PDB file of N, CA and C in Angstrom:
ATOM      1  N   UNK A   1       0.822  -1.200   0.000  1.00  0.00           N
ATOM      2  CA  UNK A   1       0.000   0.000   0.000  1.00  0.00           C
ATOM      3  C   UNK A   1       0.851   1.242   0.000  1.00  0.00           C
ATOM      4  N   UNK A   2       0.242   2.388  -0.220  1.00  0.00           N
ATOM      5  CA  UNK A   2       1.010   3.622  -0.209  1.00  0.00           C
ATOM      6  C   UNK A   2       1.027   4.220   1.191  1.00  0.00           C
ATOM      7  N   UNK A   3       1.726   5.318   1.343  1.00  0.00           N
ATOM      8  CA  UNK A   3       1.896   5.929   2.660  1.00  0.00           C
ATOM      9  C   UNK A   3       0.564   6.369   3.261  1.00  0.00           C
ATOM     10  N   UNK A   4      -0.412   6.637   2.420  1.00  0.00           N
ATOM     11  CA  UNK A   4      -1.707   7.087   2.909  1.00  0.00           C
ATOM     12  C   UNK A   4      -2.419   6.050   3.748  1.00  0.00           C
ATOM     13  N   UNK A   5      -2.053   4.779   3.575  1.00  0.00           N
ATOM     14  CA  UNK A   5      -2.706   3.716   4.329  1.00  0.00           C
ATOM     15  C   UNK A   5      -1.975   3.352   5.607  1.00  0.00           C
ATOM     16  N   UNK A   6      -0.795   3.941   5.804  1.00  0.00           N
ATOM     17  CA  UNK A   6       0.088   3.496   6.874  1.00  0.00           C
ATOM     18  C   UNK A   6      -0.551   3.576   8.253  1.00  0.00           C
ATOM     19  N   UNK A   7      -1.404   4.579   8.472  1.00  0.00           N
ATOM     20  CA  UNK A   7      -1.932   4.791   9.814  1.00  0.00           C
ATOM     21  C   UNK A   7      -3.233   4.041  10.079  1.00  0.00           C
ATOM     22  N   UNK A   8      -3.803   3.414   9.052  1.00  0.00           N
ATOM     23  CA  UNK A   8      -5.061   2.709   9.257  1.00  0.00           C
ATOM     24  C   UNK A   8      -4.817   1.381   9.968  1.00  0.00           C
ATOM     25  N   UNK A   9      -5.698   1.058  10.908  1.00  0.00           N
ATOM     26  CA  UNK A   9      -5.607  -0.228  11.600  1.00  0.00           C
ATOM     27  C   UNK A   9      -5.973  -1.335  10.614  1.00  0.00           C
ATOM     28  N   UNK A  10      -5.134  -2.370  10.490  1.00  0.00           N
ATOM     29  CA  UNK A  10      -5.463  -3.457   9.558  1.00  0.00           C
ATOM     30  C   UNK A  10      -6.750  -4.180   9.960  1.00  0.00           C
ATOM     31  N   UNK A  11      -7.489  -4.632   8.960  1.00  0.00           N
ATOM     32  CA  UNK A  11      -8.763  -5.329   9.193  1.00  0.00           C
ATOM     33  C   UNK A  11      -8.609  -6.456  10.214  1.00  0.00           C
ATOM     34  N   UNK A  12      -7.506  -7.180  10.150  1.00  0.00           N
ATOM     35  CA  UNK A  12      -7.322  -8.335  11.035  1.00  0.00           C
ATOM     36  C   UNK A  12      -7.212  -7.947  12.504  1.00  0.00           C
ATOM     37  N   UNK A  13      -6.895  -6.673  12.763  1.00  0.00           N
ATOM     38  CA  UNK A  13      -6.732  -6.233  14.146  1.00  0.00           C
ATOM     39  C   UNK A  13      -7.936  -5.464  14.668  1.00  0.00           C
ATOM     40  N   UNK A  14      -8.921  -5.232  13.810  1.00  0.00           N
ATOM     41  CA  UNK A  14     -10.107  -4.489  14.231  1.00  0.00           C
ATOM     42  C   UNK A  14     -11.022  -5.367  15.074  1.00  0.00           C
ATOM     43  N   UNK A  15     -11.706  -4.741  16.020  1.00  0.00           N
ATOM     44  CA  UNK A  15     -12.662  -5.458  16.862  1.00  0.00           C
ATOM     45  C   UNK A  15     -13.921  -5.816  16.080  1.00  0.00           C
ATOM     46  N   UNK A  16     -14.240  -4.996  15.096  1.00  0.00           N
ATOM     47  CA  UNK A  16     -15.479  -5.194  14.353  1.00  0.00           C
ATOM     48  C   UNK A  16     -15.227  -5.457  12.883  1.00  0.00           C
ATOM     49  N   UNK A  17     -16.239  -5.221  12.075  1.00  0.00           N
ATOM     50  CA  UNK A  17     -16.158  -5.489  10.643  1.00  0.00           C
ATOM     51  C   UNK A  17     -16.245  -4.182   9.867  1.00  0.00           C
ATOM     52  N   UNK A  18     -15.301  -3.992   8.968  1.00  0.00           N
ATOM     53  CA  UNK A  18     -15.267  -2.779   8.154  1.00  0.00           C
ATOM     54  C   UNK A  18     -15.549  -3.121   6.705  1.00  0.00           C
ATOM     55  N   UNK A  19     -16.433  -2.345   6.098  1.00  0.00           N
ATOM     56  CA  UNK A  19     -16.672  -2.459   4.659  1.00  0.00           C
ATOM     57  C   UNK A  19     -16.130  -1.202   4.015  1.00  0.00           C
ATOM     58  N   UNK A  20     -15.211  -1.375   3.087  1.00  0.00           N
ATOM     59  CA  UNK A  20     -14.613  -0.217   2.439  1.00  0.00           C
ATOM     60  C   UNK A  20     -15.540   0.361   1.385  1.00  0.00           C
ATOM     61  N   UNK A  21     -15.485   1.678   1.251  1.00  0.00           N
ATOM     62  CA  UNK A  21     -16.256   2.359   0.223  1.00  0.00           C
ATOM     63  C   UNK A  21     -15.398   2.588  -1.003  1.00  0.00           C
ATOM     64  N   UNK A  22     -15.658   3.682  -1.694  1.00  0.00           N
ATOM     65  CA  UNK A  22     -14.963   3.986  -2.941  1.00  0.00           C
ATOM     66  C   UNK A  22     -13.473   4.246  -2.720  1.00  0.00           C
ATOM     67  N   UNK A  23     -13.117   4.755  -1.544  1.00  0.00           N
ATOM     68  CA  UNK A  23     -11.709   4.980  -1.239  1.00  0.00           C
ATOM     69  C   UNK A  23     -11.495   4.842   0.270  1.00  0.00           C
ATOM     70  N   UNK A  24     -10.313   5.168   0.742  1.00  0.00           N
ATOM     71  CA  UNK A  24      -9.996   4.959   2.153  1.00  0.00           C
ATOM     72  C   UNK A  24     -10.758   5.890   3.093  1.00  0.00           C
ATOM     73  N   UNK A  25     -11.422   6.893   2.512  1.00  0.00           N
ATOM     74  CA  UNK A  25     -12.138   7.846   3.352  1.00  0.00           C
ATOM     75  C   UNK A  25     -13.585   7.434   3.596  1.00  0.00           C
ATOM     76  N   UNK A  26     -14.042   6.427   2.868  1.00  0.00           N
ATOM     77  CA  UNK A  26     -15.451   6.072   2.962  1.00  0.00           C
ATOM     78  C   UNK A  26     -15.629   4.603   3.286  1.00  0.00           C
ATOM     79  N   UNK A  27     -16.805   4.275   3.788  1.00  0.00           N
ATOM     80  CA  UNK A  27     -17.099   2.898   4.116  1.00  0.00           C
ATOM     81  C   UNK A  27     -18.012   2.831   5.324  1.00  0.00           C
ATOM     82  N   UNK A  28     -18.150   1.633   5.861  1.00  0.00           N
ATOM     83  CA  UNK A  28     -19.007   1.423   7.019  1.00  0.00           C
ATOM     84  C   UNK A  28     -18.264   0.554   8.024  1.00  0.00           C
ATOM     85  N   UNK A  29     -18.518   0.803   9.288  1.00  0.00           N
ATOM     86  CA  UNK A  29     -17.862   0.023  10.333  1.00  0.00           C
ATOM     87  C   UNK A  29     -18.871  -0.288  11.418  1.00  0.00           C
ATOM     88  N   UNK A  30     -18.831  -1.523  11.899  1.00  0.00           N
ATOM     89  CA  UNK A  30     -19.753  -1.956  12.929  1.00  0.00           C
ATOM     90  C   UNK A  30     -18.969  -2.807  13.912  1.00  0.00           C
ATOM     91  N   UNK A  31     -19.052  -2.474  15.184  1.00  0.00           N
ATOM     92  CA  UNK A  31     -18.300  -3.239  16.174  1.00  0.00           C
ATOM     93  C   UNK A  31     -19.039  -3.299  17.496  1.00  0.00           C
ATOM     94  N   UNK A  32     -18.885  -4.431  18.163  1.00  0.00           N
ATOM     95  CA  UNK A  32     -19.346  -4.567  19.534  1.00  0.00           C
ATOM     96  C   UNK A  32     -18.111  -4.778  20.384  1.00  0.00           C
ATOM     97  N   UNK A  33     -17.970  -3.964  21.407  1.00  0.00           N
ATOM     98  CA  UNK A  33     -16.775  -4.008  22.237  1.00  0.00           C
ATOM     99  C   UNK A  33     -17.065  -4.662  23.580  1.00  0.00           C
ATOM    100  N   UNK A  34     -16.101  -5.434  24.047  1.00  0.00           N
ATOM    101  CA  UNK A  34     -16.182  -6.019  25.378  1.00  0.00           C
ATOM    102  C   UNK A  34     -14.839  -5.811  26.057  1.00  0.00           C
ATOM    103  N   UNK A  35     -14.814  -4.980  27.076  1.00  0.00           N
ATOM    104  CA  UNK A  35     -13.575  -4.687  27.807  1.00  0.00           C
ATOM    105  C   UNK A  35     -12.477  -4.221  26.854  1.00  0.00           C
ATOM    106  N   UNK A  36     -12.854  -3.418  25.864  1.00  0.00           N
ATOM    107  CA  UNK A  36     -11.887  -2.971  24.865  1.00  0.00           C
ATOM    108  C   UNK A  36     -11.120  -1.748  25.347  1.00  0.00           C
ATOM    109  N   UNK A  37      -9.799  -1.814  25.262  1.00  0.00           N
ATOM    110  CA  UNK A  37      -8.963  -0.652  25.525  1.00  0.00           C
ATOM    111  C   UNK A  37      -7.997  -0.505  24.358  1.00  0.00           C
ATOM    112  N   UNK A  38      -8.019   0.644  23.712  1.00  0.00           N
ATOM    113  CA  UNK A  38      -7.128   0.855  22.582  1.00  0.00           C
ATOM    114  C   UNK A  38      -7.692   1.877  21.624  1.00  0.00           C
ATOM    115  N   UNK A  39      -7.055   1.973  20.475  1.00  0.00           N
ATOM    116  CA  UNK A  39      -7.479   2.913  19.443  1.00  0.00           C
ATOM    117  C   UNK A  39      -7.539   2.189  18.107  1.00  0.00           C
ATOM    118  N   UNK A  40      -8.610   2.410  17.379  1.00  0.00           N
ATOM    119  CA  UNK A  40      -8.744   1.865  16.028  1.00  0.00           C
ATOM    120  C   UNK A  40      -8.854   3.039  15.057  1.00  0.00           C
ATOM    121  N   UNK A  41      -7.954   3.076  14.080  1.00  0.00           N
ATOM    122  CA  UNK A  41      -8.037   4.102  13.038  1.00  0.00           C
ATOM    123  C   UNK A  41      -8.759   3.467  11.855  1.00  0.00           C
ATOM    124  N   UNK A  42      -9.958   3.945  11.571  1.00  0.00           N
ATOM    125  CA  UNK A  42     -10.847   3.244  10.648  1.00  0.00           C
ATOM    126  C   UNK A  42     -10.781   3.751   9.217  1.00  0.00           C
ATOM    127  N   UNK A  43     -10.813   5.059   9.061  1.00  0.00           N
ATOM    128  CA  UNK A  43     -10.860   5.632   7.723  1.00  0.00           C
ATOM    129  C   UNK A  43      -9.921   6.819   7.643  1.00  0.00           C
ATOM    130  N   UNK A  44      -9.515   7.128   6.428  1.00  0.00           N
ATOM    131  CA  UNK A  44      -8.713   8.326   6.240  1.00  0.00           C
ATOM    132  C   UNK A  44      -7.504   8.087   5.373  1.00  0.00           C
ATOM    133  N   UNK A  45      -6.664   9.105   5.305  1.00  0.00           N
ATOM    134  CA  UNK A  45      -5.474   9.015   4.487  1.00  0.00           C
ATOM    135  C   UNK A  45      -4.801  10.363   4.379  1.00  0.00           C
ATOM    136  N   UNK A  46      -3.850  10.423   3.455  1.00  0.00           N
ATOM    137  CA  UNK A  46      -3.088  11.656   3.272  1.00  0.00           C
ATOM    138  C   UNK A  46      -3.266  12.208   1.863  1.00  0.00           C
ATOM    139  N   UNK A  47      -4.367  11.831   1.220  1.00  0.00           N
ATOM    140  CA  UNK A  47      -4.624  12.265  -0.147  1.00  0.00           C
ATOM    141  C   UNK A  47      -4.697  13.782  -0.237  1.00  0.00           C
ATOM    142  N   UNK A  48      -3.921  14.350  -1.152  1.00  0.00           N
ATOM    143  CA  UNK A  48      -3.939  15.798  -1.307  1.00  0.00           C
ATOM    144  C   UNK A  48      -5.156  16.259  -2.090  1.00  0.00           C
ATOM    145  N   UNK A  49      -5.603  15.431  -3.005  1.00  0.00           N
ATOM    146  CA  UNK A  49      -6.777  15.803  -3.789  1.00  0.00           C
ATOM    147  C   UNK A  49      -7.609  14.561  -4.054  1.00  0.00           C
ATOM    148  N   UNK A  50      -8.800  14.512  -3.485  1.00  0.00           N
ATOM    149  CA  UNK A  50      -9.675  13.362  -3.689  1.00  0.00           C
ATOM    150  C   UNK A  50     -10.440  13.498  -4.992  1.00  0.00           C
ATOM    151  N   UNK A  51     -10.544  12.408  -5.720  1.00  0.00           N
ATOM    152  CA  UNK A  51     -11.346  12.430  -6.944  1.00  0.00           C
ATOM    153  C   UNK A  51     -12.800  12.734  -6.626  1.00  0.00           C
ATOM    154  N   UNK A  52     -13.253  12.264  -5.468  1.00  0.00           N
ATOM    155  CA  UNK A  52     -14.662  12.430  -5.104  1.00  0.00           C
ATOM    156  C   UNK A  52     -14.944  13.783  -4.461  1.00  0.00           C
ATOM    157  N   UNK A  53     -13.941  14.654  -4.400  1.00  0.00           N
ATOM    158  CA  UNK A  53     -14.147  15.963  -3.793  1.00  0.00           C
ATOM    159  C   UNK A  53     -13.595  16.000  -2.375  1.00  0.00           C
ATOM    160  N   UNK A  54     -13.534  17.204  -1.815  1.00  0.00           N
ATOM    161  CA  UNK A  54     -12.846  17.368  -0.541  1.00  0.00           C
ATOM    162  C   UNK A  54     -13.768  17.303   0.673  1.00  0.00           C
ATOM    163  N   UNK A  55     -15.067  17.110   0.440  1.00  0.00           N
ATOM    164  CA  UNK A  55     -15.997  17.041   1.565  1.00  0.00           C
ATOM    165  C   UNK A  55     -16.444  15.601   1.784  1.00  0.00           C
ATOM    166  N   UNK A  56     -16.324  15.125   3.020  1.00  0.00           N
ATOM    167  CA  UNK A  56     -16.868  13.809   3.335  1.00  0.00           C
ATOM    168  C   UNK A  56     -17.906  13.965   4.437  1.00  0.00           C
ATOM    169  N   UNK A  57     -18.893  13.095   4.406  1.00  0.00           N
ATOM    170  CA  UNK A  57     -19.941  13.116   5.418  1.00  0.00           C
ATOM    171  C   UNK A  57     -19.665  11.993   6.403  1.00  0.00           C
ATOM    172  N   UNK A  58     -19.758  12.317   7.674  1.00  0.00           N
ATOM    173  CA  UNK A  58     -19.518  11.331   8.724  1.00  0.00           C
ATOM    174  C   UNK A  58     -20.814  11.124   9.495  1.00  0.00           C
ATOM    175  N   UNK A  59     -21.260   9.882   9.569  1.00  0.00           N
ATOM    176  CA  UNK A  59     -22.392   9.559  10.426  1.00  0.00           C
ATOM    177  C   UNK A  59     -21.981   8.391  11.299  1.00  0.00           C
ATOM    178  N   UNK A  60     -22.283   8.481  12.577  1.00  0.00           N
ATOM    179  CA  UNK A  60     -21.953   7.376  13.464  1.00  0.00           C
ATOM    180  C   UNK A  60     -22.870   7.394  14.673  1.00  0.00           C
ATOM    181  N   UNK A  61     -22.995   6.243  15.286  1.00  0.00           N
ATOM    182  CA  UNK A  61     -23.734   6.171  16.531  1.00  0.00           C
ATOM    183  C   UNK A  61     -22.936   5.337  17.512  1.00  0.00           C
ATOM    184  N   UNK A  62     -23.030   5.718  18.766  1.00  0.00           N
ATOM    185  CA  UNK A  62     -22.276   5.064  19.829  1.00  0.00           C
ATOM    186  C   UNK A  62     -23.257   4.632  20.902  1.00  0.00           C
ATOM    187  N   UNK A  63     -23.146   3.391  21.318  1.00  0.00           N
ATOM    188  CA  UNK A  63     -23.975   2.878  22.400  1.00  0.00           C
ATOM    189  C   UNK A  63     -23.028   2.366  23.471  1.00  0.00           C
ATOM    190  N   UNK A  64     -22.935   3.099  24.557  1.00  0.00           N
ATOM    191  CA  UNK A  64     -21.940   2.822  25.584  1.00  0.00           C
ATOM    192  C   UNK A  64     -22.614   2.249  26.821  1.00  0.00           C
ATOM    193  N   UNK A  65     -22.198   1.039  27.208  1.00  0.00           N
ATOM    194  CA  UNK A  65     -22.758   0.411  28.399  1.00  0.00           C
ATOM    195  C   UNK A  65     -21.890   0.671  29.619  1.00  0.00           C
ATOM    196  N   UNK A  66     -20.577   0.580  29.441  1.00  0.00           N
ATOM    197  CA  UNK A  66     -19.669   0.914  30.537  1.00  0.00           C
ATOM    198  C   UNK A  66     -18.314   1.270  29.963  1.00  0.00           C
ATOM    199  N   UNK A  67     -17.469   1.877  30.798  1.00  0.00           N
ATOM    200  CA  UNK A  67     -16.177   2.329  30.331  1.00  0.00           C
ATOM    201  C   UNK A  67     -16.302   3.648  29.593  1.00  0.00           C
ATOM    202  N   UNK A  68     -15.266   3.970  28.843  1.00  0.00           N
ATOM    203  CA  UNK A  68     -15.264   5.214  28.080  1.00  0.00           C
ATOM    204  C   UNK A  68     -14.973   4.901  26.623  1.00  0.00           C
ATOM    205  N   UNK A  69     -15.504   5.734  25.741  1.00  0.00           N
ATOM    206  CA  UNK A  69     -15.222   5.584  24.317  1.00  0.00           C
ATOM    207  C   UNK A  69     -15.426   6.921  23.633  1.00  0.00           C
ATOM    208  N   UNK A  70     -14.775   7.083  22.504  1.00  0.00           N
ATOM    209  CA  UNK A  70     -14.943   8.304  21.728  1.00  0.00           C
ATOM    210  C   UNK A  70     -14.689   8.013  20.264  1.00  0.00           C
ATOM    211  N   UNK A  71     -15.493   8.630  19.414  1.00  0.00           N
ATOM    212  CA  UNK A  71     -15.235   8.644  17.983  1.00  0.00           C
ATOM    213  C   UNK A  71     -14.562   9.985  17.705  1.00  0.00           C
ATOM    214  N   UNK A  72     -13.408   9.942  17.034  1.00  0.00           N
ATOM    215  CA  UNK A  72     -12.653  11.177  16.853  1.00  0.00           C
ATOM    216  C   UNK A  72     -12.220  11.384  15.414  1.00  0.00           C
ATOM    217  N   UNK A  73     -11.884  12.636  15.121  1.00  0.00           N
ATOM    218  CA  UNK A  73     -11.392  13.035  13.806  1.00  0.00           C
ATOM    219  C   UNK A  73     -10.073  13.749  14.016  1.00  0.00           C
ATOM    220  N   UNK A  74      -9.061  13.354  13.263  1.00  0.00           N
ATOM    221  CA  UNK A  74      -7.772  14.022  13.375  1.00  0.00           C
ATOM    222  C   UNK A  74      -7.355  14.550  12.010  1.00  0.00           C
ATOM    223  N   UNK A  75      -7.063  15.837  11.939  1.00  0.00           N
ATOM    224  CA  UNK A  75      -6.629  16.459  10.688  1.00  0.00           C
ATOM    225  C   UNK A  75      -5.233  17.027  10.851  1.00  0.00           C
ATOM    226  N   UNK A  76      -4.337  16.611   9.972  1.00  0.00           N
ATOM    227  CA  UNK A  76      -2.982  17.137   9.993  1.00  0.00           C
ATOM    228  C   UNK A  76      -2.338  16.960  11.357  1.00  0.00           C
ATOM    229  N   UNK A  77      -1.689  18.012  11.834  1.00  0.00           N
ATOM    230  CA  UNK A  77      -1.003  17.951  13.118  1.00  0.00           C
ATOM    231  C   UNK A  77      -1.879  18.474  14.253  1.00  0.00           C
ATOM    232  N   UNK A  78      -3.124  18.815  13.944  1.00  0.00           N
ATOM    233  CA  UNK A  78      -4.019  19.332  14.978  1.00  0.00           C
ATOM    234  C   UNK A  78      -4.361  18.254  15.991  1.00  0.00           C
ATOM    235  N   UNK A  79      -4.759  18.673  17.179  1.00  0.00           N
ATOM    236  CA  UNK A  79      -5.243  17.717  18.166  1.00  0.00           C
ATOM    237  C   UNK A  79      -6.524  17.085  17.640  1.00  0.00           C
ATOM    238  N   UNK A  80      -6.753  15.818  17.994  1.00  0.00           N
ATOM    239  CA  UNK A  80      -7.988  15.164  17.549  1.00  0.00           C
ATOM    240  C   UNK A  80      -9.225  15.903  18.059  1.00  0.00           C
ATOM    241  N   UNK A  81     -10.264  15.908  17.250  1.00  0.00           N
ATOM    242  CA  UNK A  81     -11.546  16.495  17.624  1.00  0.00           C
ATOM    243  C   UNK A  81     -12.495  15.355  17.958  1.00  0.00           C
ATOM    244  N   UNK A  82     -13.109  15.417  19.139  1.00  0.00           N
ATOM    245  CA  UNK A  82     -14.045  14.374  19.548  1.00  0.00           C
ATOM    246  C   UNK A  82     -15.394  14.630  18.881  1.00  0.00           C
ATOM    247  N   UNK A  83     -15.876  13.658  18.115  1.00  0.00           N
ATOM    248  CA  UNK A  83     -17.174  13.788  17.463  1.00  0.00           C
ATOM    249  C   UNK A  83     -18.282  13.268  18.367  1.00  0.00           C
ATOM    250  N   UNK A  84     -17.963  12.234  19.139  1.00  0.00           N
ATOM    251  CA  UNK A  84     -18.971  11.554  19.945  1.00  0.00           C
ATOM    252  C   UNK A  84     -18.254  10.885  21.104  1.00  0.00           C
ATOM    253  N   UNK A  85     -18.692  11.154  22.345  1.00  0.00           N
ATOM    254  CA  UNK A  85     -18.029  10.517  23.483  1.00  0.00           C
ATOM    255  C   UNK A  85     -19.025   9.970  24.495  1.00  0.00           C
ATOM    256  N   UNK A  86     -20.284   9.919  24.093  1.00  0.00           N
ATOM    257  CA  UNK A  86     -21.289   9.274  24.924  1.00  0.00           C
ATOM    258  C   UNK A  86     -22.331   8.693  23.986  1.00  0.00           C
ATOM    259  N   UNK A  87     -23.237   7.897  24.524  1.00  0.00           N
ATOM    260  CA  UNK A  87     -24.243   7.274  23.674  1.00  0.00           C
ATOM    261  C   UNK A  87     -25.010   8.341  22.904  1.00  0.00           C
ATOM    262  N   UNK A  88     -25.149   8.121  21.611  1.00  0.00           N
ATOM    263  CA  UNK A  88     -25.847   9.095  20.781  1.00  0.00           C
ATOM    264  C   UNK A  88     -25.435   8.946  19.334  1.00  0.00           C
ATOM    265  N   UNK A  89     -25.746   9.973  18.555  1.00  0.00           N
ATOM    266  CA  UNK A  89     -25.449   9.928  17.129  1.00  0.00           C
ATOM    267  C   UNK A  89     -24.751  11.203  16.695  1.00  0.00           C
ATOM    268  N   UNK A  90     -23.958  11.077  15.649  1.00  0.00           N
ATOM    269  CA  UNK A  90     -23.276  12.232  15.075  1.00  0.00           C
ATOM    270  C   UNK A  90     -23.488  12.213  13.572  1.00  0.00           C
ATOM    271  N   UNK A  91     -23.734  13.377  13.009  1.00  0.00           N
ATOM    272  CA  UNK A  91     -23.890  13.498  11.561  1.00  0.00           C
ATOM    273  C   UNK A  91     -23.317  14.849  11.159  1.00  0.00           C
ATOM    274  N   UNK A  92     -22.263  14.824  10.375  1.00  0.00           N
ATOM    275  CA  UNK A  92     -21.655  16.084   9.975  1.00  0.00           C
ATOM    276  C   UNK A  92     -20.774  15.905   8.757  1.00  0.00           C
ATOM    277  N   UNK A  93     -20.287  17.024   8.238  1.00  0.00           N
ATOM    278  CA  UNK A  93     -19.382  16.957   7.098  1.00  0.00           C
ATOM    279  C   UNK A  93     -18.047  17.568   7.490  1.00  0.00           C
ATOM    280  N   UNK A  94     -17.002  17.125   6.820  1.00  0.00           N
ATOM    281  CA  UNK A  94     -15.664  17.621   7.116  1.00  0.00           C
ATOM    282  C   UNK A  94     -14.904  17.809   5.807  1.00  0.00           C
ATOM    283  N   UNK A  95     -14.072  18.819   5.769  1.00  0.00           N
ATOM    284  CA  UNK A  95     -13.233  19.065   4.600  1.00  0.00           C
ATOM    285  C   UNK A  95     -11.923  18.300   4.755  1.00  0.00           C
ATOM    286  N   UNK A  96     -11.500  17.609   3.716  1.00  0.00           N
ATOM    287  CA  UNK A  96     -10.264  16.825   3.793  1.00  0.00           C
ATOM    288  C   UNK A  96      -9.247  17.304   2.763  1.00  0.00           C
ATOM    289  N   UNK A  97      -9.325  18.564   2.411  1.00  0.00           N
ATOM    290  CA  UNK A  97      -8.498  19.063   1.323  1.00  0.00           C
ATOM    291  C   UNK A  97      -7.057  19.324   1.750  1.00  0.00           C
ATOM    292  N   UNK A  98      -6.126  18.583   1.167  1.00  0.00           N
ATOM    293  CA  UNK A  98      -4.715  18.900   1.311  1.00  0.00           C
ATOM    294  C   UNK A  98      -4.069  18.589   2.645  1.00  0.00           C
ATOM    295  N   UNK A  99      -4.732  17.829   3.494  1.00  0.00           N
ATOM    296  CA  UNK A  99      -4.124  17.471   4.769  1.00  0.00           C
ATOM    297  C   UNK A  99      -4.455  16.027   5.093  1.00  0.00           C
ATOM    298  N   UNK A 100      -3.684  15.422   5.956  1.00  0.00           N
ATOM    299  CA  UNK A 100      -4.009  14.058   6.354  1.00  0.00           C
ATOM    300  C   UNK A 100      -5.194  14.106   7.311  1.00  0.00           C
ATOM    301  N   UNK A 101      -6.146  13.236   7.086  1.00  0.00           N
ATOM    302  CA  UNK A 101      -7.363  13.212   7.891  1.00  0.00           C
ATOM    303  C   UNK A 101      -7.689  11.773   8.247  1.00  0.00           C
ATOM    304  N   UNK A 102      -7.905  11.522   9.527  1.00  0.00           N
ATOM    305  CA  UNK A 102      -8.227  10.169   9.973  1.00  0.00           C
ATOM    306  C   UNK A 102      -9.415  10.183  10.918  1.00  0.00           C
ATOM    307  N   UNK A 103     -10.212   9.134  10.833  1.00  0.00           N
ATOM    308  CA  UNK A 103     -11.360   8.959  11.714  1.00  0.00           C
ATOM    309  C   UNK A 103     -11.148   7.656  12.471  1.00  0.00           C
ATOM    310  N   UNK A 104     -11.354   7.692  13.765  1.00  0.00           N
ATOM    311  CA  UNK A 104     -11.113   6.492  14.547  1.00  0.00           C
ATOM    312  C   UNK A 104     -11.964   6.417  15.796  1.00  0.00           C
ATOM    313  N   UNK A 105     -11.772   5.314  16.520  1.00  0.00           N
ATOM    314  CA  UNK A 105     -12.478   5.073  17.773  1.00  0.00           C
ATOM    315  C   UNK A 105     -11.442   4.801  18.853  1.00  0.00           C
ATOM    316  N   UNK A 106     -11.636   5.433  19.994  1.00  0.00           N
ATOM    317  CA  UNK A 106     -10.763   5.217  21.140  1.00  0.00           C
ATOM    318  C   UNK A 106     -11.600   4.626  22.261  1.00  0.00           C
ATOM    319  N   UNK A 107     -11.046   3.656  22.958  1.00  0.00           N
ATOM    320  CA  UNK A 107     -11.797   3.042  24.041  1.00  0.00           C
ATOM    321  C   UNK A 107     -10.945   2.790  25.268  1.00  0.00           C
ATOM    322  N   UNK A 108     -11.586   2.805  26.439  1.00  0.00           N
ATOM    323  CA  UNK A 108     -10.936   2.465  27.696  1.00  0.00           C
ATOM    324  C   UNK A 108     -11.906   1.617  28.507  1.00  0.00           C
ATOM    325  N   UNK A 109     -11.606   0.323  28.579  1.00  0.00           N
ATOM    326  CA  UNK A 109     -12.490  -0.624  29.269  1.00  0.00           C
ATOM    327  C   UNK A 109     -13.917  -0.522  28.728  1.00  0.00           C
ATOM    328  N   UNK A 110     -14.017  -0.452  27.408  1.00  0.00           N
ATOM    329  CA  UNK A 110     -15.300  -0.178  26.772  1.00  0.00           C
ATOM    330  C   UNK A 110     -16.160  -1.425  26.616  1.00  0.00           C
ATOM    331  N   UNK A 111     -17.397  -1.326  27.074  1.00  0.00           N
ATOM    332  CA  UNK A 111     -18.442  -2.283  26.724  1.00  0.00           C
ATOM    333  C   UNK A 111     -19.494  -1.491  25.966  1.00  0.00           C
ATOM    334  N   UNK A 112     -19.766  -1.888  24.732  1.00  0.00           N
ATOM    335  CA  UNK A 112     -20.754  -1.154  23.947  1.00  0.00           C
ATOM    336  C   UNK A 112     -20.572  -1.439  22.478  1.00  0.00           C
ATOM    337  N   UNK A 113     -21.158  -0.595  21.662  1.00  0.00           N
ATOM    338  CA  UNK A 113     -21.061  -0.816  20.223  1.00  0.00           C
ATOM    339  C   UNK A 113     -20.991   0.512  19.492  1.00  0.00           C
ATOM    340  N   UNK A 114     -20.432   0.441  18.298  1.00  0.00           N
ATOM    341  CA  UNK A 114     -20.339   1.617  17.444  1.00  0.00           C
ATOM    342  C   UNK A 114     -20.766   1.224  16.037  1.00  0.00           C
ATOM    343  N   UNK A 115     -21.459   2.138  15.362  1.00  0.00           N
ATOM    344  CA  UNK A 115     -21.893   1.928  13.982  1.00  0.00           C
ATOM    345  C   UNK A 115     -21.392   3.090  13.152  1.00  0.00           C
TER     346      UNK A 115
END
């Protein structure tokens, strides 16, 4: 793979199942966590110019039974932005033009699920 894939967690190490979309920025992920602690980088890359345009839509839902979890977005060298850190849903768009952008899930003793 190219350098853009370097930061993505390999499918074999993911807690759940990922379906890839048209490129590394799109797709679907579904996971149920049990006592999960760690970080999964699900989507993203370092593409300077996407064929599909620079705007991506992010939708996710988090169902947290115990522990802590967060769905986050990291762009370039900026600190990660938390999209969702409690049970609920998130729906928004983000610009990915010219910077590395990654979407992931962080967990600490997490029991719950993410879609």
